[in-house]
Amino acid sequence: MAESNADPIPKELAEAFAHAVLGFELWHPQHEGQQISISGRGYHSIDAVCGLVDKFTDPLPKHVLEKLRSYMHDQPHGDLIAELLKCPTYATGAVCLRRLATIDLRHGAVEAGQP
């Protein structure tokens, strides 16, 4: 995780992360992935959005937290669930969303017959 930022998260980054979390449901590891629009900054991948918010310790809005949590299952995500519930911030949410995508990438590679 990047160094934390004492400044509040800019509104456009908070909105972009909310869109990334909501869009993850439709994301598939074998495709380039959904691009998230950030006002004045163009389009970014879900991973890139996570990189832009991973230093902010503001609390996640309830709807974003609940949607992110809905993607996690007790196994293999028990550690992510515990961390997210203990520290429900953008920084922790970004780590969780990236890990979920990484797990999906590995799963997609196995489905495609890759090691």
C-alpha atoms as a PDB file:
ATOM      1  CA  MET A   1       0.000   0.000   0.000  1.00  0.00           C
ATOM      2  CA  ALA A   2       1.215   3.503  -0.737  1.00  0.00           C
ATOM      3  CA  GLU A   3       2.016   6.022   1.982  1.00  0.00           C
ATOM      4  CA  SER A   4      -1.174   7.375   3.548  1.00  0.00           C
ATOM      5  CA  ASN A   5      -2.442  10.839   2.667  1.00  0.00           C
ATOM      6  CA  ALA A   6      -3.788  13.235   5.303  1.00  0.00           C
ATOM      7  CA  ASP A   7      -5.799  15.121   2.686  1.00  0.00           C
ATOM      8  CA  PRO A   8      -9.362  13.979   2.008  1.00  0.00           C
ATOM      9  CA  ILE A   9      -9.929  11.938  -1.123  1.00  0.00           C
ATOM     10  CA  PRO A  10     -10.952  14.135  -4.075  1.00  0.00           C
ATOM     11  CA  LYS A  11     -14.566  13.669  -5.109  1.00  0.00           C
ATOM     12  CA  GLU A  12     -13.656  12.484  -8.624  1.00  0.00           C
ATOM     13  CA  LEU A  13     -11.412   9.742  -7.224  1.00  0.00           C
ATOM     14  CA  ALA A  14     -14.043   8.634  -4.717  1.00  0.00           C
ATOM     15  CA  GLU A  15     -16.590   8.417  -7.538  1.00  0.00           C
ATOM     16  CA  ALA A  16     -14.140   6.545  -9.770  1.00  0.00           C
ATOM     17  CA  PHE A  17     -13.470   3.960  -7.058  1.00  0.00           C
ATOM     18  CA  ALA A  18     -17.211   3.513  -6.517  1.00  0.00           C
ATOM     19  CA  HIS A  19     -17.594   2.909 -10.277  1.00  0.00           C
ATOM     20  CA  ALA A  20     -14.655   0.479 -10.212  1.00  0.00           C
ATOM     21  CA  VAL A  21     -16.213  -1.529  -7.377  1.00  0.00           C
ATOM     22  CA  LEU A  22     -19.621  -1.560  -9.036  1.00  0.00           C
ATOM     23  CA  GLY A  23     -18.070  -2.386 -12.424  1.00  0.00           C
ATOM     24  CA  PHE A  24     -16.008  -5.272 -11.063  1.00  0.00           C
ATOM     25  CA  GLU A  25     -19.091  -7.467 -11.168  1.00  0.00           C
ATOM     26  CA  LEU A  26     -18.967  -7.309 -14.988  1.00  0.00           C
ATOM     27  CA  TRP A  27     -15.164  -7.437 -15.253  1.00  0.00           C
ATOM     28  CA  HIS A  28     -13.640 -10.564 -16.778  1.00  0.00           C
ATOM     29  CA  PRO A  29      -9.948 -11.493 -16.581  1.00  0.00           C
ATOM     30  CA  GLN A  30      -9.718 -12.547 -20.246  1.00  0.00           C
ATOM     31  CA  HIS A  31     -10.769  -9.117 -21.489  1.00  0.00           C
ATOM     32  CA  GLU A  32      -8.972  -5.828 -21.100  1.00  0.00           C
ATOM     33  CA  GLY A  33     -11.514  -4.805 -18.523  1.00  0.00           C
ATOM     34  CA  GLN A  34     -13.808  -1.942 -17.921  1.00  0.00           C
ATOM     35  CA  GLN A  35     -12.323   1.521 -18.206  1.00  0.00           C
ATOM     36  CA  ILE A  36     -13.383   4.003 -15.555  1.00  0.00           C
ATOM     37  CA  SER A  37     -13.742   7.663 -16.488  1.00  0.00           C
ATOM     38  CA  ILE A  38     -12.170  10.148 -14.110  1.00  0.00           C
ATOM     39  CA  SER A  39     -13.097  13.764 -14.662  1.00  0.00           C
ATOM     40  CA  GLY A  40     -10.154  15.580 -16.200  1.00  0.00           C
ATOM     41  CA  ARG A  41      -7.929  12.471 -16.157  1.00  0.00           C
ATOM     42  CA  GLY A  42      -9.307  10.290 -18.961  1.00  0.00           C
ATOM     43  CA  TYR A  43     -10.094   6.588 -18.693  1.00  0.00           C
ATOM     44  CA  HIS A  44      -8.352   4.142 -16.371  1.00  0.00           C
ATOM     45  CA  SER A  45      -8.425   0.426 -15.641  1.00  0.00           C
ATOM     46  CA  ILE A  46      -9.802  -0.831 -12.339  1.00  0.00           C
ATOM     47  CA  ASP A  47      -6.223  -1.544 -11.232  1.00  0.00           C
ATOM     48  CA  ALA A  48      -5.145   1.997 -12.111  1.00  0.00           C
ATOM     49  CA  VAL A  49      -8.065   3.470 -10.158  1.00  0.00           C
ATOM     50  CA  CYS A  50      -6.988   1.380  -7.164  1.00  0.00           C
ATOM     51  CA  GLY A  51      -3.511   2.865  -7.504  1.00  0.00           C
ATOM     52  CA  LEU A  52      -4.940   6.376  -7.423  1.00  0.00           C
ATOM     53  CA  VAL A  53      -6.944   5.834  -4.214  1.00  0.00           C
ATOM     54  CA  ASP A  54      -4.715   3.457  -2.246  1.00  0.00           C
ATOM     55  CA  LYS A  55      -3.177   6.262  -0.175  1.00  0.00           C
ATOM     56  CA  PHE A  56      -6.450   7.700   1.115  1.00  0.00           C
ATOM     57  CA  THR A  57      -7.675   6.669   4.537  1.00  0.00           C
ATOM     58  CA  ASP A  58     -11.146   8.192   4.282  1.00  0.00           C
ATOM     59  CA  PRO A  59     -13.900   5.722   5.147  1.00  0.00           C
ATOM     60  CA  LEU A  60     -15.649   3.973   2.273  1.00  0.00           C
ATOM     61  CA  PRO A  61     -19.301   4.861   1.730  1.00  0.00           C
ATOM     62  CA  LYS A  62     -21.582   2.111   3.017  1.00  0.00           C
ATOM     63  CA  HIS A  63     -22.863   1.094  -0.445  1.00  0.00           C
ATOM     64  CA  VAL A  64     -19.290   0.746  -1.780  1.00  0.00           C
ATOM     65  CA  LEU A  65     -18.182  -1.234   1.271  1.00  0.00           C
ATOM     66  CA  GLU A  66     -21.183  -3.568   1.028  1.00  0.00           C
ATOM     67  CA  LYS A  67     -20.708  -4.164  -2.709  1.00  0.00           C
ATOM     68  CA  LEU A  68     -16.994  -4.858  -2.281  1.00  0.00           C
ATOM     69  CA  ARG A  69     -17.744  -7.248   0.576  1.00  0.00           C
ATOM     70  CA  SER A  70     -20.346  -9.038  -1.571  1.00  0.00           C
ATOM     71  CA  TYR A  71     -17.578 -10.204  -3.950  1.00  0.00           C
ATOM     72  CA  MET A  72     -15.686 -11.926  -1.161  1.00  0.00           C
ATOM     73  CA  HIS A  73     -16.308 -15.429   0.057  1.00  0.00           C
ATOM     74  CA  ASP A  74     -15.153 -16.780   3.409  1.00  0.00           C
ATOM     75  CA  GLN A  75     -12.536 -18.834   1.594  1.00  0.00           C
ATOM     76  CA  PRO A  76     -10.137 -17.783   0.110  1.00  0.00           C
ATOM     77  CA  HIS A  77     -10.929 -14.191   1.122  1.00  0.00           C
ATOM     78  CA  GLY A  78     -11.117 -14.515   4.916  1.00  0.00           C
ATOM     79  CA  ASP A  79      -8.066 -12.295   5.464  1.00  0.00           C
ATOM     80  CA  LEU A  80      -9.443  -9.625   3.109  1.00  0.00           C
ATOM     81  CA  ILE A  81     -12.825  -9.642   4.819  1.00  0.00           C
ATOM     82  CA  ALA A  82     -11.228  -9.243   8.253  1.00  0.00           C
ATOM     83  CA  GLU A  83      -8.996  -6.382   7.095  1.00  0.00           C
ATOM     84  CA  LEU A  84     -11.823  -4.584   5.289  1.00  0.00           C
ATOM     85  CA  LEU A  85     -14.144  -4.813   8.276  1.00  0.00           C
ATOM     86  CA  LYS A  86     -11.369  -3.675  10.643  1.00  0.00           C
ATOM     87  CA  CYS A  87     -10.307  -0.759   8.426  1.00  0.00           C
ATOM     88  CA  PRO A  88     -13.011   0.126   5.849  1.00  0.00           C
ATOM     89  CA  THR A  89     -11.052   2.817   3.998  1.00  0.00           C
ATOM     90  CA  TYR A  90     -10.256   3.558   0.374  1.00  0.00           C
ATOM     91  CA  ALA A  91      -6.706   2.315   0.976  1.00  0.00           C
ATOM     92  CA  THR A  92      -7.912  -1.058   2.266  1.00  0.00           C
ATOM     93  CA  GLY A  93     -10.659  -1.227  -0.349  1.00  0.00           C
ATOM     94  CA  ALA A  94      -8.086  -0.727  -3.111  1.00  0.00           C
ATOM     95  CA  VAL A  95      -5.948  -3.571  -1.746  1.00  0.00           C
ATOM     96  CA  CYS A  96      -9.005  -5.829  -1.577  1.00  0.00           C
ATOM     97  CA  LEU A  97     -10.220  -5.012  -5.093  1.00  0.00           C
ATOM     98  CA  ARG A  98      -6.742  -5.592  -6.535  1.00  0.00           C
ATOM     99  CA  ARG A  99      -6.469  -8.945  -4.749  1.00  0.00           C
ATOM    100  CA  LEU A 100      -9.885  -9.990  -6.038  1.00  0.00           C
ATOM    101  CA  ALA A 101      -8.812  -9.108  -9.572  1.00  0.00           C
ATOM    102  CA  THR A 102      -5.549 -11.025  -9.136  1.00  0.00           C
ATOM    103  CA  ILE A 103      -7.436 -14.100  -7.961  1.00  0.00           C
ATOM    104  CA  ASP A 104      -9.775 -13.773 -10.947  1.00  0.00           C
ATOM    105  CA  LEU A 105      -6.808 -13.369 -13.310  1.00  0.00           C
ATOM    106  CA  ARG A 106      -5.305 -16.617 -12.041  1.00  0.00           C
ATOM    107  CA  HIS A 107      -8.671 -18.352 -12.293  1.00  0.00           C
ATOM    108  CA  GLY A 108      -9.181 -17.052 -15.853  1.00  0.00           C
ATOM    109  CA  ALA A 109      -5.737 -18.296 -16.879  1.00  0.00           C
ATOM    110  CA  VAL A 110      -6.537 -21.763 -15.532  1.00  0.00           C
ATOM    111  CA  GLU A 111      -9.865 -21.776 -17.415  1.00  0.00           C
ATOM    112  CA  ALA A 112      -8.011 -20.836 -20.615  1.00  0.00           C
ATOM    113  CA  GLY A 113      -5.568 -23.706 -20.085  1.00  0.00           C
ATOM    114  CA  GLN A 114      -2.623 -21.544 -19.047  1.00  0.00           C
ATOM    115  CA  PRO A 115      -0.512 -22.374 -15.956  1.00  0.00           C
END
